[in-house]
Amino acid sequence: MPSVELWGPTNFTPVINQAASLASSGGNIYYVLLILTDGAISDMDETKDAIVRASCLPLSIVIVGPV
């Protein structure tokens, strides 16, 4: 692929909520959500709130992007 153009908005809340829903469904499964990003987060406050809500679940959230 010669080039890739990234564009927004970049909303993480829906995917974090989906992962949290899977993790809360029970069982002995531990989940890891890996998000690769260009560094822009359009819904930062909502993303933080979603991470806090998911913090009691068997779920790790790893966000990787440029500094």
C-alpha atoms as a PDB file:
ATOM      1  CA  MET A   1       0.000   0.000   0.000  1.00  0.00           C
ATOM      2  CA  PRO A   2       1.734   3.200  -1.107  1.00  0.00           C
ATOM      3  CA  SER A   3       0.033   5.508   1.416  1.00  0.00           C
ATOM      4  CA  VAL A   4      -2.589   5.599   4.133  1.00  0.00           C
ATOM      5  CA  GLU A   5      -4.539   8.688   5.080  1.00  0.00           C
ATOM      6  CA  LEU A   6      -5.994   8.756   8.592  1.00  0.00           C
ATOM      7  CA  TRP A   7      -8.888  11.023   9.421  1.00  0.00           C
ATOM      8  CA  GLY A   8     -11.275  11.513  12.327  1.00  0.00           C
ATOM      9  CA  PRO A   9     -13.126  11.734  14.459  1.00  0.00           C
ATOM     10  CA  THR A  10     -11.469   9.054  16.584  1.00  0.00           C
ATOM     11  CA  ASN A  11     -13.929   7.831  19.208  1.00  0.00           C
ATOM     12  CA  PHE A  12     -12.690   5.087  21.542  1.00  0.00           C
ATOM     13  CA  THR A  13     -15.706   4.944  23.866  1.00  0.00           C
ATOM     14  CA  PRO A  14     -17.835   2.579  21.715  1.00  0.00           C
ATOM     15  CA  VAL A  15     -15.092  -0.051  21.387  1.00  0.00           C
ATOM     16  CA  ILE A  16     -14.169   0.189  25.084  1.00  0.00           C
ATOM     17  CA  ASN A  17     -17.831  -0.237  26.033  1.00  0.00           C
ATOM     18  CA  GLN A  18     -18.108  -3.267  23.724  1.00  0.00           C
ATOM     19  CA  ALA A  19     -15.004  -4.870  25.255  1.00  0.00           C
ATOM     20  CA  ALA A  20     -16.372  -4.154  28.740  1.00  0.00           C
ATOM     21  CA  SER A  21     -19.644  -5.795  27.797  1.00  0.00           C
ATOM     22  CA  LEU A  22     -17.798  -8.930  26.676  1.00  0.00           C
ATOM     23  CA  ALA A  23     -15.660  -8.967  29.831  1.00  0.00           C
ATOM     24  CA  SER A  24     -18.710  -8.613  32.079  1.00  0.00           C
ATOM     25  CA  SER A  25     -20.454 -11.603  30.512  1.00  0.00           C
ATOM     26  CA  GLY A  26     -18.813 -13.890  33.068  1.00  0.00           C
ATOM     27  CA  GLY A  27     -16.611 -16.922  32.808  1.00  0.00           C
ATOM     28  CA  ASN A  28     -12.926 -17.306  33.523  1.00  0.00           C
ATOM     29  CA  ILE A  29     -11.722 -15.375  30.489  1.00  0.00           C
ATOM     30  CA  TYR A  30      -9.383 -12.384  30.724  1.00  0.00           C
ATOM     31  CA  TYR A  31      -9.613  -9.880  27.876  1.00  0.00           C
ATOM     32  CA  VAL A  32      -7.020  -7.515  26.401  1.00  0.00           C
ATOM     33  CA  LEU A  33      -8.165  -4.633  24.214  1.00  0.00           C
ATOM     34  CA  LEU A  34      -5.352  -3.243  22.060  1.00  0.00           C
ATOM     35  CA  ILE A  35      -6.064   0.077  20.365  1.00  0.00           C
ATOM     36  CA  LEU A  36      -3.589   1.367  17.769  1.00  0.00           C
ATOM     37  CA  THR A  37      -4.063   5.055  17.068  1.00  0.00           C
ATOM     38  CA  ASP A  38      -2.539   8.064  15.366  1.00  0.00           C
ATOM     39  CA  GLY A  39      -2.659   9.869  18.701  1.00  0.00           C
ATOM     40  CA  ALA A  40      -5.856  11.860  18.253  1.00  0.00           C
ATOM     41  CA  ILE A  41      -8.730  10.999  20.611  1.00  0.00           C
ATOM     42  CA  SER A  42     -11.892  12.949  19.853  1.00  0.00           C
ATOM     43  CA  ASP A  43     -13.863  11.806  22.907  1.00  0.00           C
ATOM     44  CA  MET A  44     -11.193  12.029  25.629  1.00  0.00           C
ATOM     45  CA  ASP A  45     -13.521  12.679  28.585  1.00  0.00           C
ATOM     46  CA  GLU A  46     -15.900   9.891  27.584  1.00  0.00           C
ATOM     47  CA  THR A  47     -12.932   7.553  26.982  1.00  0.00           C
ATOM     48  CA  LYS A  48     -11.608   8.204  30.488  1.00  0.00           C
ATOM     49  CA  ASP A  49     -15.060   7.564  31.970  1.00  0.00           C
ATOM     50  CA  ALA A  50     -15.400   4.291  30.021  1.00  0.00           C
ATOM     51  CA  ILE A  51     -11.977   3.121  31.226  1.00  0.00           C
ATOM     52  CA  VAL A  52     -12.899   3.903  34.844  1.00  0.00           C
ATOM     53  CA  ARG A  53     -16.206   1.992  34.494  1.00  0.00           C
ATOM     54  CA  ALA A  54     -14.341  -1.009  33.025  1.00  0.00           C
ATOM     55  CA  SER A  55     -11.608  -0.977  35.667  1.00  0.00           C
ATOM     56  CA  CYS A  56     -13.332  -3.604  37.840  1.00  0.00           C
ATOM     57  CA  LEU A  57     -13.615  -6.097  34.972  1.00  0.00           C
ATOM     58  CA  PRO A  58     -11.177  -8.799  33.782  1.00  0.00           C
ATOM     59  CA  LEU A  59     -10.003  -6.464  31.025  1.00  0.00           C
ATOM     60  CA  SER A  60      -6.755  -4.685  30.190  1.00  0.00           C
ATOM     61  CA  ILE A  61      -6.873  -1.722  27.819  1.00  0.00           C
ATOM     62  CA  VAL A  62      -3.680  -0.853  25.976  1.00  0.00           C
ATOM     63  CA  ILE A  63      -3.635   2.258  23.785  1.00  0.00           C
ATOM     64  CA  VAL A  64      -0.580   2.624  21.531  1.00  0.00           C
ATOM     65  CA  GLY A  65       0.133   5.758  19.552  1.00  0.00           C
ATOM     66  CA  PRO A  66       2.737   8.451  18.941  1.00  0.00           C
ATOM     67  CA  VAL A  67       3.817  10.748  21.734  1.00  0.00           C
END
